[in-house]
């Protein structure tokens, strides 16, 4: 039997997790200490989460049981930016549903067998939002993202295929409106163009060849842009 810790888990300071200190140690604003799990690449392969044998913790449990409280694991929530202190109460509440699509991680083995009987499509999970006034290049010209979502625009949008390294127009797979946010960041590009996005929005960073949260970007990061 094994225990799976998802990304954005905040693991307590325990001997069992000390091997994570060099790469995952994080001190919170309230001075709590622990280890934050993030998506990383190991030998070129994307790794999301941590799997450990249950006997390492000298505990027992049942398949599918949530033992977070028993080990002291909580969800990591990024700190509120200083400029928003006193304005927002915290991050998006975990008990509110953002989408009606079930995550594959939540399916048991029997449900997975049922899923295999159907034709599936693969998507990449990218949290975060663009400001509603952001203009998106489409086959019908530039349209605001608010218009695209409100009208369920059926045309194609301009995208960048990371595998082919080509610009191409693709169909929209889904539409999401995450509501009001006070966690906005403004990215200014070398050409003077500005993009307003939430801190948890991810962008492709060329020099690290991975997606990275906007609130974790450095001035030296090179972003993938489409002219």
Foldseek 3Di string as FASTA:
>chain_A
DKDWFFAQKWAADDPLCVVQCVPFWDQDPVRGITGGGHWDADPNHIDTTDMGHPVVVPDDDDPPDDCCVVRVIDGHFDDADPVCVVPDDGDDDPVDDFDPDDDPVPDDPVVVVVVVVDDDDDDDDFDWDWPQQDWFQFPVGTDGLVCCQVVVDFGWTWDADPVVRDIDTDGDDDHTDPDDDPQWDWDADPVRDITIIGQRGWFQFVVRRDTDGNVPDDPPTDTDDDD
